[in-house]
Amino acid sequence: MPATGVLTSRQRLVLRAFTTVAVVEALTWVGLLTGMYLKYLATDTTEVGVQVFGPLHGAAFVAYLVLAVLAWRALRWSWGTLLTALVCSVPPLFTVVFEVWAARTGRLTPTRTRERVLV
């Protein structure tokens, strides 16, 4: 195990991908919500926003879930942190809220106290 707070190259890669996808997932949520507004509530309705952002958000959502599990393994998160990350994938923009919380509480850097055996 590297020294406390020092990330391995694999951990850095997972962390960078996770935080990037958290933001992308939130942005695609905004695009999808805008598209749904234009489809259902606007005076001149159009489905283009939903057709574009629907698949993009779906892909970002799945990528976020996969990367949350990878981050759980690589960064040695507790089950509770993993569950929180997964639940935060559902409400709009909460992936960014989770990422900010995780950074502020030190969950984006591994520590010896969270060390566990990786299989």
N, C-alpha and C. Protein backbone atom coordinates (compact mmCIF):
# COMPACT_ATOMS: atom_id res chain seq x y z
N MET A 1 0.86 -1.19 0.00
CA MET A 1 0.00 0.00 0.00
C MET A 1 0.89 1.24 0.00
N PRO A 2 0.61 2.20 -0.88
CA PRO A 2 1.38 3.43 -0.87
C PRO A 2 1.12 4.21 0.41
N ALA A 3 1.95 5.20 0.64
CA ALA A 3 1.79 6.05 1.82
C ALA A 3 0.40 6.69 1.81
N THR A 4 -0.07 7.02 2.99
CA THR A 4 -1.39 7.62 3.13
C THR A 4 -1.53 8.86 2.25
N GLY A 5 -2.62 8.91 1.48
CA GLY A 5 -2.89 10.07 0.63
C GLY A 5 -2.20 10.04 -0.71
N VAL A 6 -1.30 9.07 -0.94
CA VAL A 6 -0.61 8.97 -2.21
C VAL A 6 -1.37 8.00 -3.10
N LEU A 7 -1.75 8.45 -4.29
CA LEU A 7 -2.53 7.62 -5.19
C LEU A 7 -1.63 6.86 -6.15
N THR A 8 -1.99 5.63 -6.42
CA THR A 8 -1.31 4.87 -7.47
C THR A 8 -1.81 5.37 -8.82
N SER A 9 -1.15 4.97 -9.88
CA SER A 9 -1.58 5.42 -11.21
C SER A 9 -2.98 4.90 -11.52
N ARG A 10 -3.30 3.68 -11.10
CA ARG A 10 -4.65 3.13 -11.32
C ARG A 10 -5.69 3.93 -10.55
N GLN A 11 -5.39 4.27 -9.31
CA GLN A 11 -6.32 5.05 -8.50
C GLN A 11 -6.53 6.44 -9.11
N ARG A 12 -5.44 7.05 -9.59
CA ARG A 12 -5.57 8.36 -10.24
C ARG A 12 -6.46 8.28 -11.47
N LEU A 13 -6.28 7.22 -12.27
CA LEU A 13 -7.08 7.04 -13.48
C LEU A 13 -8.55 6.87 -13.14
N VAL A 14 -8.85 6.02 -12.16
CA VAL A 14 -10.24 5.80 -11.74
C VAL A 14 -10.83 7.09 -11.17
N LEU A 15 -10.07 7.78 -10.36
CA LEU A 15 -10.55 9.02 -9.76
C LEU A 15 -10.85 10.07 -10.82
N ARG A 16 -9.94 10.24 -11.77
CA ARG A 16 -10.15 11.23 -12.83
C ARG A 16 -11.38 10.87 -13.67
N ALA A 17 -11.51 9.60 -14.02
CA ALA A 17 -12.67 9.16 -14.81
C ALA A 17 -13.96 9.35 -14.01
N PHE A 18 -13.94 8.99 -12.74
CA PHE A 18 -15.14 9.10 -11.91
C PHE A 18 -15.59 10.56 -11.78
N THR A 19 -14.67 11.45 -11.47
CA THR A 19 -15.06 12.84 -11.28
C THR A 19 -15.51 13.48 -12.60
N THR A 20 -14.87 13.11 -13.69
CA THR A 20 -15.28 13.63 -15.00
C THR A 20 -16.68 13.16 -15.36
N VAL A 21 -16.92 11.87 -15.19
CA VAL A 21 -18.24 11.32 -15.54
C VAL A 21 -19.32 11.85 -14.61
N ALA A 22 -18.99 12.15 -13.36
CA ALA A 22 -19.97 12.74 -12.45
C ALA A 22 -20.46 14.07 -12.99
N VAL A 23 -19.56 14.87 -13.52
CA VAL A 23 -19.94 16.17 -14.09
C VAL A 23 -20.69 15.98 -15.40
N VAL A 24 -20.21 15.07 -16.24
CA VAL A 24 -20.88 14.81 -17.52
C VAL A 24 -22.30 14.30 -17.28
N GLU A 25 -22.47 13.42 -16.30
CA GLU A 25 -23.80 12.90 -15.99
C GLU A 25 -24.73 14.03 -15.57
N ALA A 26 -24.23 14.96 -14.77
CA ALA A 26 -25.05 16.10 -14.34
C ALA A 26 -25.40 17.00 -15.53
N LEU A 27 -24.43 17.25 -16.40
CA LEU A 27 -24.69 18.10 -17.57
C LEU A 27 -25.71 17.46 -18.52
N THR A 28 -25.62 16.15 -18.69
CA THR A 28 -26.60 15.48 -19.56
C THR A 28 -27.98 15.49 -18.91
N TRP A 29 -28.03 15.48 -17.57
CA TRP A 29 -29.31 15.63 -16.87
C TRP A 29 -29.93 16.98 -17.21
N VAL A 30 -29.11 18.03 -17.17
CA VAL A 30 -29.60 19.38 -17.50
C VAL A 30 -30.12 19.40 -18.94
N GLY A 31 -29.36 18.81 -19.85
CA GLY A 31 -29.80 18.74 -21.24
C GLY A 31 -31.10 17.97 -21.40
N LEU A 32 -31.22 16.85 -20.70
CA LEU A 32 -32.43 16.04 -20.78
C LEU A 32 -33.62 16.78 -20.16
N LEU A 33 -33.42 17.42 -19.03
CA LEU A 33 -34.51 18.20 -18.41
C LEU A 33 -34.95 19.34 -19.32
N THR A 34 -34.00 20.00 -19.95
CA THR A 34 -34.33 21.05 -20.91
C THR A 34 -35.10 20.48 -22.09
N GLY A 35 -34.65 19.33 -22.59
CA GLY A 35 -35.34 18.67 -23.68
C GLY A 35 -36.76 18.27 -23.31
N MET A 36 -36.95 17.80 -22.08
CA MET A 36 -38.30 17.42 -21.63
C MET A 36 -39.19 18.66 -21.49
N TYR A 37 -38.60 19.76 -21.05
CA TYR A 37 -39.37 21.01 -20.99
C TYR A 37 -39.83 21.40 -22.39
N LEU A 38 -38.91 21.35 -23.34
CA LEU A 38 -39.25 21.73 -24.71
C LEU A 38 -40.25 20.75 -25.34
N LYS A 39 -40.20 19.52 -24.93
CA LYS A 39 -41.13 18.52 -25.49
C LYS A 39 -42.53 18.65 -24.90
N TYR A 40 -42.62 18.84 -23.59
CA TYR A 40 -43.91 18.76 -22.92
C TYR A 40 -44.52 20.11 -22.51
N LEU A 41 -43.72 21.13 -22.28
CA LEU A 41 -44.25 22.36 -21.70
C LEU A 41 -44.11 23.60 -22.58
N ALA A 42 -43.21 23.60 -23.52
CA ALA A 42 -42.99 24.80 -24.34
C ALA A 42 -44.15 25.02 -25.30
N THR A 43 -44.29 26.25 -25.73
CA THR A 43 -45.35 26.59 -26.68
C THR A 43 -45.12 25.88 -28.01
N ASP A 44 -43.91 25.99 -28.55
CA ASP A 44 -43.55 25.27 -29.77
C ASP A 44 -42.77 24.03 -29.35
N THR A 45 -43.45 22.90 -29.25
CA THR A 45 -42.81 21.69 -28.74
C THR A 45 -41.90 21.06 -29.78
N THR A 46 -40.87 20.41 -29.29
CA THR A 46 -39.94 19.66 -30.13
C THR A 46 -39.38 18.51 -29.32
N GLU A 47 -39.09 17.41 -29.99
CA GLU A 47 -38.53 16.23 -29.32
C GLU A 47 -37.02 16.12 -29.47
N VAL A 48 -36.40 17.07 -30.15
CA VAL A 48 -34.98 16.97 -30.45
C VAL A 48 -34.13 16.87 -29.18
N GLY A 49 -34.43 17.68 -28.18
CA GLY A 49 -33.64 17.66 -26.94
C GLY A 49 -33.68 16.31 -26.26
N VAL A 50 -34.84 15.69 -26.23
CA VAL A 50 -34.97 14.36 -25.61
C VAL A 50 -34.27 13.32 -26.47
N GLN A 51 -34.39 13.44 -27.78
CA GLN A 51 -33.75 12.48 -28.68
C GLN A 51 -32.23 12.55 -28.61
N VAL A 52 -31.70 13.73 -28.38
CA VAL A 52 -30.25 13.89 -28.29
C VAL A 52 -29.75 13.54 -26.89
N PHE A 53 -30.34 14.16 -25.88
CA PHE A 53 -29.83 14.01 -24.52
C PHE A 53 -30.29 12.74 -23.82
N GLY A 54 -31.36 12.13 -24.27
CA GLY A 54 -31.81 10.87 -23.67
C GLY A 54 -30.74 9.79 -23.73
N PRO A 55 -30.24 9.44 -24.94
CA PRO A 55 -29.19 8.43 -25.03
C PRO A 55 -27.87 8.87 -24.38
N LEU A 56 -27.53 10.16 -24.50
CA LEU A 56 -26.30 10.64 -23.87
C LEU A 56 -26.38 10.49 -22.35
N HIS A 57 -27.52 10.86 -21.79
CA HIS A 57 -27.68 10.73 -20.35
C HIS A 57 -27.68 9.26 -19.92
N GLY A 58 -28.33 8.43 -20.70
CA GLY A 58 -28.34 6.99 -20.38
C GLY A 58 -26.93 6.42 -20.33
N ALA A 59 -26.11 6.78 -21.31
CA ALA A 59 -24.73 6.30 -21.34
C ALA A 59 -23.92 6.86 -20.17
N ALA A 60 -24.11 8.15 -19.88
CA ALA A 60 -23.40 8.77 -18.76
C ALA A 60 -23.84 8.16 -17.43
N PHE A 61 -25.12 7.85 -17.30
CA PHE A 61 -25.66 7.23 -16.08
C PHE A 61 -25.01 5.87 -15.85
N VAL A 62 -24.98 5.05 -16.88
CA VAL A 62 -24.39 3.71 -16.75
C VAL A 62 -22.89 3.82 -16.47
N ALA A 63 -22.21 4.73 -17.16
CA ALA A 63 -20.78 4.93 -16.92
C ALA A 63 -20.52 5.36 -15.48
N TYR A 64 -21.37 6.23 -14.94
CA TYR A 64 -21.22 6.68 -13.56
C TYR A 64 -21.37 5.51 -12.59
N LEU A 65 -22.36 4.66 -12.83
CA LEU A 65 -22.56 3.50 -11.95
C LEU A 65 -21.34 2.58 -11.96
N VAL A 66 -20.84 2.30 -13.16
CA VAL A 66 -19.67 1.42 -13.29
C VAL A 66 -18.47 2.06 -12.60
N LEU A 67 -18.25 3.34 -12.85
CA LEU A 67 -17.10 4.01 -12.24
C LEU A 67 -17.24 4.17 -10.73
N ALA A 68 -18.46 4.27 -10.23
CA ALA A 68 -18.65 4.31 -8.77
C ALA A 68 -18.18 3.00 -8.15
N VAL A 69 -18.51 1.89 -8.79
CA VAL A 69 -18.06 0.59 -8.28
C VAL A 69 -16.54 0.48 -8.38
N LEU A 70 -15.97 0.91 -9.50
CA LEU A 70 -14.52 0.88 -9.64
C LEU A 70 -13.84 1.78 -8.60
N ALA A 71 -14.42 2.96 -8.34
CA ALA A 71 -13.86 3.86 -7.33
C ALA A 71 -13.98 3.25 -5.94
N TRP A 72 -15.09 2.58 -5.68
CA TRP A 72 -15.27 1.88 -4.40
C TRP A 72 -14.12 0.90 -4.17
N ARG A 73 -13.78 0.15 -5.20
CA ARG A 73 -12.69 -0.81 -5.07
C ARG A 73 -11.33 -0.12 -4.97
N ALA A 74 -11.08 0.80 -5.90
CA ALA A 74 -9.75 1.42 -5.98
C ALA A 74 -9.46 2.34 -4.80
N LEU A 75 -10.47 3.06 -4.34
CA LEU A 75 -10.26 4.04 -3.27
C LEU A 75 -10.66 3.51 -1.90
N ARG A 76 -11.06 2.26 -1.86
CA ARG A 76 -11.38 1.57 -0.60
C ARG A 76 -12.50 2.25 0.18
N TRP A 77 -13.58 2.58 -0.55
CA TRP A 77 -14.74 3.17 0.09
C TRP A 77 -15.46 2.13 0.93
N SER A 78 -16.20 2.59 1.90
CA SER A 78 -17.07 1.71 2.67
C SER A 78 -18.30 1.38 1.83
N TRP A 79 -19.05 0.39 2.27
CA TRP A 79 -20.30 0.05 1.58
C TRP A 79 -21.26 1.24 1.60
N GLY A 80 -21.26 1.97 2.70
CA GLY A 80 -22.14 3.13 2.81
C GLY A 80 -21.81 4.22 1.81
N THR A 81 -20.52 4.44 1.58
CA THR A 81 -20.11 5.44 0.60
C THR A 81 -20.50 5.00 -0.80
N LEU A 82 -20.30 3.72 -1.09
CA LEU A 82 -20.73 3.20 -2.40
C LEU A 82 -22.22 3.36 -2.58
N LEU A 83 -23.00 2.99 -1.58
CA LEU A 83 -24.45 3.11 -1.66
C LEU A 83 -24.86 4.57 -1.86
N THR A 84 -24.21 5.48 -1.16
CA THR A 84 -24.50 6.90 -1.32
C THR A 84 -24.21 7.36 -2.75
N ALA A 85 -23.07 6.93 -3.30
CA ALA A 85 -22.72 7.28 -4.68
C ALA A 85 -23.77 6.76 -5.65
N LEU A 86 -24.22 5.53 -5.45
CA LEU A 86 -25.21 4.95 -6.35
C LEU A 86 -26.56 5.65 -6.23
N VAL A 87 -26.99 5.96 -5.02
CA VAL A 87 -28.25 6.67 -4.82
C VAL A 87 -28.19 8.08 -5.42
N CYS A 88 -27.03 8.70 -5.33
CA CYS A 88 -26.86 10.05 -5.87
C CYS A 88 -26.89 10.08 -7.40
N SER A 89 -26.91 8.93 -8.03
CA SER A 89 -26.99 8.90 -9.50
C SER A 89 -28.41 9.15 -9.98
N VAL A 90 -29.40 9.05 -9.09
CA VAL A 90 -30.80 9.15 -9.51
C VAL A 90 -31.31 10.59 -9.57
N PRO A 91 -31.22 11.39 -8.51
CA PRO A 91 -31.74 12.77 -8.60
C PRO A 91 -30.84 13.63 -9.50
N PRO A 92 -31.44 14.56 -10.21
CA PRO A 92 -30.64 15.44 -11.08
C PRO A 92 -29.57 16.19 -10.31
N LEU A 93 -28.37 16.19 -10.86
CA LEU A 93 -27.20 16.95 -10.39
C LEU A 93 -26.57 16.41 -9.11
N PHE A 94 -27.09 15.35 -8.54
CA PHE A 94 -26.55 14.84 -7.28
C PHE A 94 -25.22 14.13 -7.44
N THR A 95 -24.85 13.75 -8.67
CA THR A 95 -23.53 13.16 -8.86
C THR A 95 -22.45 14.18 -8.53
N VAL A 96 -22.70 15.43 -8.87
CA VAL A 96 -21.73 16.49 -8.54
C VAL A 96 -21.76 16.76 -7.04
N VAL A 97 -22.94 16.75 -6.45
CA VAL A 97 -23.05 16.92 -5.00
C VAL A 97 -22.25 15.83 -4.28
N PHE A 98 -22.39 14.58 -4.73
CA PHE A 98 -21.64 13.49 -4.12
C PHE A 98 -20.15 13.70 -4.30
N GLU A 99 -19.72 14.07 -5.49
CA GLU A 99 -18.30 14.25 -5.77
C GLU A 99 -17.71 15.33 -4.88
N VAL A 100 -18.41 16.43 -4.70
CA VAL A 100 -17.94 17.52 -3.82
C VAL A 100 -17.87 17.03 -2.37
N TRP A 101 -18.92 16.34 -1.92
CA TRP A 101 -18.93 15.79 -0.55
C TRP A 101 -17.78 14.81 -0.36
N ALA A 102 -17.59 13.92 -1.33
CA ALA A 102 -16.52 12.91 -1.21
C ALA A 102 -15.15 13.58 -1.15
N ALA A 103 -14.96 14.63 -1.93
CA ALA A 103 -13.68 15.34 -1.90
C ALA A 103 -13.47 16.03 -0.55
N ARG A 104 -14.51 16.65 -0.03
CA ARG A 104 -14.39 17.37 1.25
C ARG A 104 -14.19 16.45 2.44
N THR A 105 -14.68 15.24 2.33
CA THR A 105 -14.57 14.30 3.46
C THR A 105 -13.41 13.32 3.29
N GLY A 106 -12.58 13.53 2.28
CA GLY A 106 -11.39 12.70 2.11
C GLY A 106 -11.63 11.35 1.47
N ARG A 107 -12.79 11.13 0.90
CA ARG A 107 -13.09 9.84 0.30
C ARG A 107 -12.50 9.67 -1.10
N LEU A 108 -11.89 10.71 -1.62
CA LEU A 108 -11.28 10.61 -2.94
C LEU A 108 -9.78 10.35 -2.85
N THR A 109 -9.31 10.08 -1.63
CA THR A 109 -7.93 9.65 -1.44
C THR A 109 -7.95 8.48 -0.46
N PRO A 110 -7.23 7.41 -0.78
CA PRO A 110 -7.23 6.25 0.12
C PRO A 110 -6.41 6.54 1.37
N THR A 111 -6.82 5.94 2.47
CA THR A 111 -6.06 6.06 3.71
C THR A 111 -5.87 4.66 4.29
N ARG A 112 -4.92 4.53 5.15
CA ARG A 112 -4.66 3.23 5.76
C ARG A 112 -5.84 2.76 6.62
N THR A 113 -6.59 3.69 7.17
CA THR A 113 -7.71 3.29 8.02
C THR A 113 -8.83 2.63 7.19
N ARG A 114 -8.86 2.92 5.89
CA ARG A 114 -9.88 2.30 5.03
C ARG A 114 -9.29 1.14 4.25
N GLU A 115 -8.06 0.76 4.57
CA GLU A 115 -7.39 -0.30 3.84
C GLU A 115 -8.13 -1.63 4.03
N ARG A 116 -8.31 -2.35 2.93
CA ARG A 116 -8.88 -3.69 3.01
C ARG A 116 -8.25 -4.53 1.91
N VAL A 117 -8.38 -5.80 2.01
CA VAL A 117 -7.76 -6.70 1.05
C VAL A 117 -8.54 -6.66 -0.24
N LEU A 118 -7.85 -6.41 -1.35
CA LEU A 118 -8.48 -6.44 -2.67
C LEU A 118 -8.29 -7.82 -3.27
N VAL A 119 -9.36 -8.37 -3.75
CA VAL A 119 -9.28 -9.72 -4.34
C VAL A 119 -9.14 -9.59 -5.82
